[in-house]
Amino acid sequence: ERILRLAEMCRKLEAEEEKVLPFYPCSLGEQERQDAEQLLQEPPTEPLAQALQDYVAMERFWQRFNKVKLEELALAREKAALGLRNGRLRQLLHRYLQGISVSQEVLGEPNPL
């Protein structure tokens, strides 16, 4: 109940894009989608499957949770790539500034330009 309440509160903070298209499009083919729908309509026979029927309302939550985790991973990778790029740019800038500055230390080393 607490998670569902929090999900309702978070709904107010969603961007317009998330409200219109909250999830990525399904990658299942038409036949696969029909098979999945047919399996979902059949009553479960195993005890675990019967217990999971109680948590069908949580499916939307788990979809959102997984989407957020994927986006978090993508952002972490992008941050790492940008960090590497930033480091390379700093090195280039440092070499450039050494090449245009005049000091005894710089004059003693070969000109990087």
N, C-alpha and C. Protein backbone atom coordinates (compact mmCIF):
# COMPACT_ATOMS: atom_id res chain seq x y z
N GLU A 1 0.83 -1.19 0.00
CA GLU A 1 0.00 0.00 0.00
C GLU A 1 0.87 1.25 0.00
N ARG A 2 1.97 1.19 0.76
CA ARG A 2 2.87 2.35 0.83
C ARG A 2 3.49 2.63 -0.53
N ILE A 3 3.92 1.58 -1.21
CA ILE A 3 4.54 1.75 -2.53
C ILE A 3 3.54 2.32 -3.52
N LEU A 4 2.32 1.83 -3.49
CA LEU A 4 1.31 2.33 -4.40
C LEU A 4 0.99 3.80 -4.11
N ARG A 5 0.98 4.17 -2.83
CA ARG A 5 0.75 5.57 -2.46
C ARG A 5 1.88 6.46 -2.97
N LEU A 6 3.13 5.96 -2.82
CA LEU A 6 4.28 6.71 -3.33
C LEU A 6 4.23 6.84 -4.85
N ALA A 7 3.80 5.79 -5.51
CA ALA A 7 3.69 5.83 -6.97
C ALA A 7 2.68 6.89 -7.40
N GLU A 8 1.59 7.01 -6.67
CA GLU A 8 0.59 8.04 -6.98
C GLU A 8 1.17 9.43 -6.78
N MET A 9 1.97 9.60 -5.74
CA MET A 9 2.59 10.89 -5.49
C MET A 9 3.61 11.22 -6.58
N CYS A 10 4.34 10.21 -7.02
CA CYS A 10 5.35 10.43 -8.06
C CYS A 10 4.70 10.74 -9.40
N ARG A 11 3.51 10.27 -9.61
CA ARG A 11 2.79 10.52 -10.87
C ARG A 11 2.67 12.02 -11.11
N LYS A 12 2.51 12.80 -10.05
CA LYS A 12 2.39 14.25 -10.18
C LYS A 12 3.68 14.88 -10.68
N LEU A 13 4.82 14.22 -10.41
CA LEU A 13 6.12 14.78 -10.76
C LEU A 13 6.63 14.30 -12.12
N GLU A 14 5.87 13.47 -12.81
CA GLU A 14 6.32 12.95 -14.09
C GLU A 14 6.33 14.03 -15.16
N ALA A 15 7.23 13.87 -16.11
CA ALA A 15 7.28 14.78 -17.26
C ALA A 15 6.12 14.44 -18.19
N GLU A 16 5.80 15.36 -19.09
CA GLU A 16 4.70 15.14 -20.03
C GLU A 16 4.95 13.90 -20.88
N GLU A 17 6.20 13.69 -21.29
CA GLU A 17 6.53 12.53 -22.13
C GLU A 17 6.24 11.23 -21.39
N GLU A 18 6.54 11.20 -20.10
CA GLU A 18 6.29 10.00 -19.31
C GLU A 18 4.80 9.75 -19.11
N LYS A 19 4.03 10.82 -19.04
CA LYS A 19 2.59 10.64 -18.88
C LYS A 19 1.94 10.11 -20.15
N VAL A 20 2.43 10.57 -21.30
CA VAL A 20 1.86 10.15 -22.57
C VAL A 20 2.34 8.76 -22.95
N LEU A 21 3.65 8.53 -22.86
CA LEU A 21 4.24 7.25 -23.24
C LEU A 21 5.15 6.80 -22.10
N PRO A 22 4.58 6.18 -21.04
CA PRO A 22 5.36 5.89 -19.85
C PRO A 22 6.41 4.80 -20.02
N PHE A 23 6.26 3.91 -21.00
CA PHE A 23 7.18 2.79 -21.13
C PHE A 23 7.68 2.67 -22.55
N TYR A 24 8.75 1.96 -22.68
CA TYR A 24 9.28 1.71 -24.00
C TYR A 24 8.32 0.79 -24.75
N PRO A 25 8.27 0.89 -26.09
CA PRO A 25 7.37 0.03 -26.83
C PRO A 25 7.73 -1.44 -26.65
N CYS A 26 6.73 -2.28 -26.71
CA CYS A 26 6.91 -3.72 -26.52
C CYS A 26 7.69 -4.29 -27.70
N SER A 27 8.63 -5.18 -27.41
CA SER A 27 9.44 -5.77 -28.47
C SER A 27 8.91 -7.12 -28.91
N LEU A 28 7.77 -7.54 -28.38
CA LEU A 28 7.20 -8.81 -28.77
C LEU A 28 6.50 -8.70 -30.12
N GLY A 29 6.57 -9.79 -30.87
CA GLY A 29 5.83 -9.85 -32.12
C GLY A 29 4.36 -10.06 -31.85
N GLU A 30 3.55 -9.97 -32.90
CA GLU A 30 2.10 -10.10 -32.73
C GLU A 30 1.73 -11.48 -32.18
N GLN A 31 2.32 -12.52 -32.71
CA GLN A 31 2.02 -13.88 -32.25
C GLN A 31 2.47 -14.08 -30.81
N GLU A 32 3.65 -13.58 -30.48
CA GLU A 32 4.15 -13.70 -29.10
C GLU A 32 3.25 -12.95 -28.13
N ARG A 33 2.77 -11.78 -28.53
CA ARG A 33 1.89 -10.99 -27.68
C ARG A 33 0.57 -11.73 -27.45
N GLN A 34 0.03 -12.34 -28.49
CA GLN A 34 -1.21 -13.10 -28.34
C GLN A 34 -1.01 -14.30 -27.43
N ASP A 35 0.14 -14.99 -27.57
CA ASP A 35 0.43 -16.14 -26.70
C ASP A 35 0.53 -15.70 -25.24
N ALA A 36 1.18 -14.57 -25.01
CA ALA A 36 1.33 -14.07 -23.64
C ALA A 36 -0.02 -13.70 -23.04
N GLU A 37 -0.87 -13.05 -23.83
CA GLU A 37 -2.20 -12.67 -23.34
C GLU A 37 -3.03 -13.91 -23.03
N GLN A 38 -2.90 -14.93 -23.86
CA GLN A 38 -3.65 -16.17 -23.64
C GLN A 38 -3.18 -16.85 -22.35
N LEU A 39 -1.88 -16.87 -22.12
CA LEU A 39 -1.35 -17.47 -20.88
C LEU A 39 -1.79 -16.70 -19.65
N LEU A 40 -1.89 -15.38 -19.77
CA LEU A 40 -2.31 -14.57 -18.63
C LEU A 40 -3.78 -14.77 -18.29
N GLN A 41 -4.59 -15.15 -19.27
CA GLN A 41 -6.02 -15.34 -19.02
C GLN A 41 -6.33 -16.69 -18.39
N GLU A 42 -5.41 -17.65 -18.55
CA GLU A 42 -5.63 -18.96 -17.95
C GLU A 42 -5.41 -18.88 -16.44
N PRO A 43 -6.21 -19.59 -15.65
CA PRO A 43 -6.00 -19.57 -14.20
C PRO A 43 -4.70 -20.31 -13.85
N PRO A 44 -3.93 -19.79 -12.92
CA PRO A 44 -2.66 -20.44 -12.56
C PRO A 44 -2.89 -21.75 -11.83
N THR A 45 -2.00 -22.71 -12.08
CA THR A 45 -2.13 -24.03 -11.44
C THR A 45 -1.08 -24.24 -10.37
N GLU A 46 0.06 -23.61 -10.49
CA GLU A 46 1.13 -23.79 -9.50
C GLU A 46 0.93 -22.83 -8.33
N PRO A 47 1.35 -23.23 -7.13
CA PRO A 47 1.16 -22.37 -5.94
C PRO A 47 1.86 -21.01 -6.07
N LEU A 48 3.06 -21.01 -6.63
CA LEU A 48 3.79 -19.76 -6.78
C LEU A 48 3.06 -18.82 -7.74
N ALA A 49 2.55 -19.38 -8.83
CA ALA A 49 1.82 -18.55 -9.79
C ALA A 49 0.54 -18.00 -9.17
N GLN A 50 -0.10 -18.80 -8.31
CA GLN A 50 -1.30 -18.32 -7.63
C GLN A 50 -0.95 -17.19 -6.67
N ALA A 51 0.18 -17.30 -6.00
CA ALA A 51 0.60 -16.24 -5.07
C ALA A 51 0.92 -14.96 -5.84
N LEU A 52 1.47 -15.10 -7.03
CA LEU A 52 1.82 -13.92 -7.83
C LEU A 52 0.59 -13.18 -8.34
N GLN A 53 -0.54 -13.84 -8.41
CA GLN A 53 -1.77 -13.18 -8.83
C GLN A 53 -2.12 -12.03 -7.91
N ASP A 54 -1.70 -12.13 -6.63
CA ASP A 54 -1.97 -11.06 -5.67
C ASP A 54 -1.18 -9.80 -5.99
N TYR A 55 -0.10 -9.94 -6.77
CA TYR A 55 0.78 -8.82 -7.04
C TYR A 55 0.68 -8.30 -8.47
N VAL A 56 -0.41 -8.61 -9.16
CA VAL A 56 -0.60 -8.13 -10.52
C VAL A 56 -0.65 -6.61 -10.56
N ALA A 57 -1.18 -6.00 -9.53
CA ALA A 57 -1.27 -4.53 -9.48
C ALA A 57 0.12 -3.90 -9.41
N MET A 58 1.11 -4.66 -9.02
CA MET A 58 2.47 -4.14 -8.91
C MET A 58 3.21 -4.16 -10.25
N GLU A 59 2.62 -4.74 -11.28
CA GLU A 59 3.31 -4.86 -12.56
C GLU A 59 3.72 -3.50 -13.11
N ARG A 60 2.84 -2.55 -13.04
CA ARG A 60 3.16 -1.19 -13.53
C ARG A 60 4.31 -0.57 -12.74
N PHE A 61 4.30 -0.80 -11.43
CA PHE A 61 5.39 -0.31 -10.59
C PHE A 61 6.72 -0.92 -11.03
N TRP A 62 6.75 -2.23 -11.25
CA TRP A 62 8.00 -2.89 -11.64
C TRP A 62 8.45 -2.44 -13.02
N GLN A 63 7.53 -2.15 -13.91
CA GLN A 63 7.91 -1.63 -15.22
C GLN A 63 8.61 -0.28 -15.05
N ARG A 64 8.04 0.57 -14.25
CA ARG A 64 8.66 1.88 -14.01
C ARG A 64 9.98 1.75 -13.29
N PHE A 65 10.03 0.86 -12.31
CA PHE A 65 11.26 0.65 -11.56
C PHE A 65 12.38 0.19 -12.49
N ASN A 66 12.09 -0.78 -13.35
CA ASN A 66 13.09 -1.28 -14.29
C ASN A 66 13.51 -0.20 -15.29
N LYS A 67 12.57 0.61 -15.72
CA LYS A 67 12.89 1.70 -16.64
C LYS A 67 13.85 2.69 -15.98
N VAL A 68 13.59 3.02 -14.73
CA VAL A 68 14.45 3.95 -14.01
C VAL A 68 15.84 3.35 -13.81
N LYS A 69 15.91 2.06 -13.49
CA LYS A 69 17.21 1.42 -13.32
C LYS A 69 18.01 1.43 -14.63
N LEU A 70 17.34 1.17 -15.75
CA LEU A 70 18.02 1.22 -17.05
C LEU A 70 18.53 2.62 -17.35
N GLU A 71 17.70 3.62 -17.09
CA GLU A 71 18.12 5.00 -17.32
C GLU A 71 19.27 5.40 -16.40
N GLU A 72 19.22 4.91 -15.16
CA GLU A 72 20.30 5.20 -14.21
C GLU A 72 21.61 4.60 -14.71
N LEU A 73 21.56 3.38 -15.21
CA LEU A 73 22.76 2.73 -15.74
C LEU A 73 23.29 3.47 -16.97
N ALA A 74 22.39 3.89 -17.85
CA ALA A 74 22.80 4.64 -19.04
C ALA A 74 23.44 5.97 -18.66
N LEU A 75 22.87 6.65 -17.68
CA LEU A 75 23.44 7.92 -17.24
C LEU A 75 24.81 7.74 -16.58
N ALA A 76 24.97 6.64 -15.84
CA ALA A 76 26.27 6.38 -15.21
C ALA A 76 27.34 6.12 -16.27
N ARG A 77 26.98 5.38 -17.30
CA ARG A 77 27.93 5.13 -18.39
C ARG A 77 28.25 6.41 -19.15
N GLU A 78 27.24 7.22 -19.37
CA GLU A 78 27.46 8.50 -20.06
C GLU A 78 28.35 9.41 -19.22
N LYS A 79 28.14 9.41 -17.91
CA LYS A 79 28.97 10.23 -17.02
C LYS A 79 30.42 9.78 -17.07
N ALA A 80 30.65 8.46 -17.10
CA ALA A 80 32.02 7.94 -17.17
C ALA A 80 32.67 8.34 -18.49
N ALA A 81 31.93 8.23 -19.59
CA ALA A 81 32.47 8.61 -20.89
C ALA A 81 32.79 10.10 -20.94
N LEU A 82 31.91 10.92 -20.37
CA LEU A 82 32.16 12.36 -20.34
C LEU A 82 33.34 12.70 -19.43
N GLY A 83 33.53 11.94 -18.37
CA GLY A 83 34.68 12.15 -17.50
C GLY A 83 35.98 11.89 -18.24
N LEU A 84 36.02 10.81 -19.02
CA LEU A 84 37.21 10.52 -19.82
C LEU A 84 37.47 11.62 -20.84
N ARG A 85 36.43 12.04 -21.50
CA ARG A 85 36.56 13.10 -22.51
C ARG A 85 37.05 14.40 -21.86
N ASN A 86 36.50 14.70 -20.70
CA ASN A 86 36.91 15.90 -19.97
C ASN A 86 38.38 15.83 -19.61
N GLY A 87 38.85 14.66 -19.18
CA GLY A 87 40.26 14.49 -18.85
C GLY A 87 41.16 14.72 -20.05
N ARG A 88 40.77 14.18 -21.20
CA ARG A 88 41.56 14.38 -22.42
C ARG A 88 41.59 15.86 -22.81
N LEU A 89 40.45 16.51 -22.71
CA LEU A 89 40.41 17.94 -23.05
C LEU A 89 41.26 18.77 -22.09
N ARG A 90 41.27 18.40 -20.82
CA ARG A 90 42.10 19.11 -19.85
C ARG A 90 43.58 18.94 -20.19
N GLN A 91 43.97 17.73 -20.59
CA GLN A 91 45.36 17.49 -20.97
C GLN A 91 45.74 18.32 -22.19
N LEU A 92 44.86 18.35 -23.18
CA LEU A 92 45.14 19.16 -24.38
C LEU A 92 45.24 20.64 -24.04
N LEU A 93 44.35 21.10 -23.20
CA LEU A 93 44.38 22.50 -22.79
C LEU A 93 45.67 22.82 -22.01
N HIS A 94 46.07 21.91 -21.15
CA HIS A 94 47.29 22.10 -20.37
C HIS A 94 48.51 22.19 -21.30
N ARG A 95 48.56 21.27 -22.28
CA ARG A 95 49.68 21.31 -23.24
C ARG A 95 49.67 22.60 -24.05
N TYR A 96 48.49 23.02 -24.45
CA TYR A 96 48.37 24.26 -25.23
C TYR A 96 48.84 25.46 -24.41
N LEU A 97 48.38 25.53 -23.17
CA LEU A 97 48.78 26.66 -22.31
C LEU A 97 50.28 26.63 -22.02
N GLN A 98 50.87 25.46 -21.90
CA GLN A 98 52.31 25.39 -21.72
C GLN A 98 53.04 25.89 -22.97
N GLY A 99 52.46 25.62 -24.13
CA GLY A 99 53.08 26.02 -25.39
C GLY A 99 53.04 27.52 -25.61
N ILE A 100 52.04 28.20 -25.08
CA ILE A 100 51.95 29.64 -25.33
C ILE A 100 52.51 30.47 -24.19
N SER A 101 52.78 29.83 -23.05
CA SER A 101 53.31 30.60 -21.92
C SER A 101 54.85 30.62 -21.99
N VAL A 102 55.40 31.64 -21.41
CA VAL A 102 56.85 31.80 -21.42
C VAL A 102 57.34 31.80 -19.97
N SER A 103 58.13 30.78 -19.62
CA SER A 103 58.75 30.70 -18.30
C SER A 103 60.00 29.84 -18.44
N GLN A 104 60.86 29.89 -17.44
CA GLN A 104 62.10 29.13 -17.50
C GLN A 104 61.81 27.63 -17.59
N GLU A 105 60.80 27.18 -16.85
CA GLU A 105 60.45 25.75 -16.86
C GLU A 105 59.98 25.32 -18.23
N VAL A 106 59.13 26.12 -18.85
CA VAL A 106 58.60 25.79 -20.17
C VAL A 106 59.69 25.89 -21.23
N LEU A 107 60.58 26.89 -21.10
CA LEU A 107 61.65 27.05 -22.08
C LEU A 107 62.63 25.89 -22.04
N GLY A 108 62.77 25.24 -20.91
CA GLY A 108 63.69 24.11 -20.79
C GLY A 108 63.15 22.83 -21.40
N GLU A 109 61.85 22.74 -21.62
CA GLU A 109 61.23 21.54 -22.19
C GLU A 109 60.97 21.76 -23.68
N PRO A 110 60.82 20.66 -24.45
CA PRO A 110 60.48 20.84 -25.87
C PRO A 110 59.08 21.44 -26.01
N ASN A 111 58.92 22.26 -27.01
CA ASN A 111 57.64 22.95 -27.24
C ASN A 111 56.60 21.94 -27.73
N PRO A 112 55.48 21.80 -27.02
CA PRO A 112 54.46 20.82 -27.43
C PRO A 112 53.73 21.23 -28.70
N LEU A 113 53.83 22.49 -29.10
CA LEU A 113 53.14 22.91 -30.32
C LEU A 113 54.03 22.64 -31.50
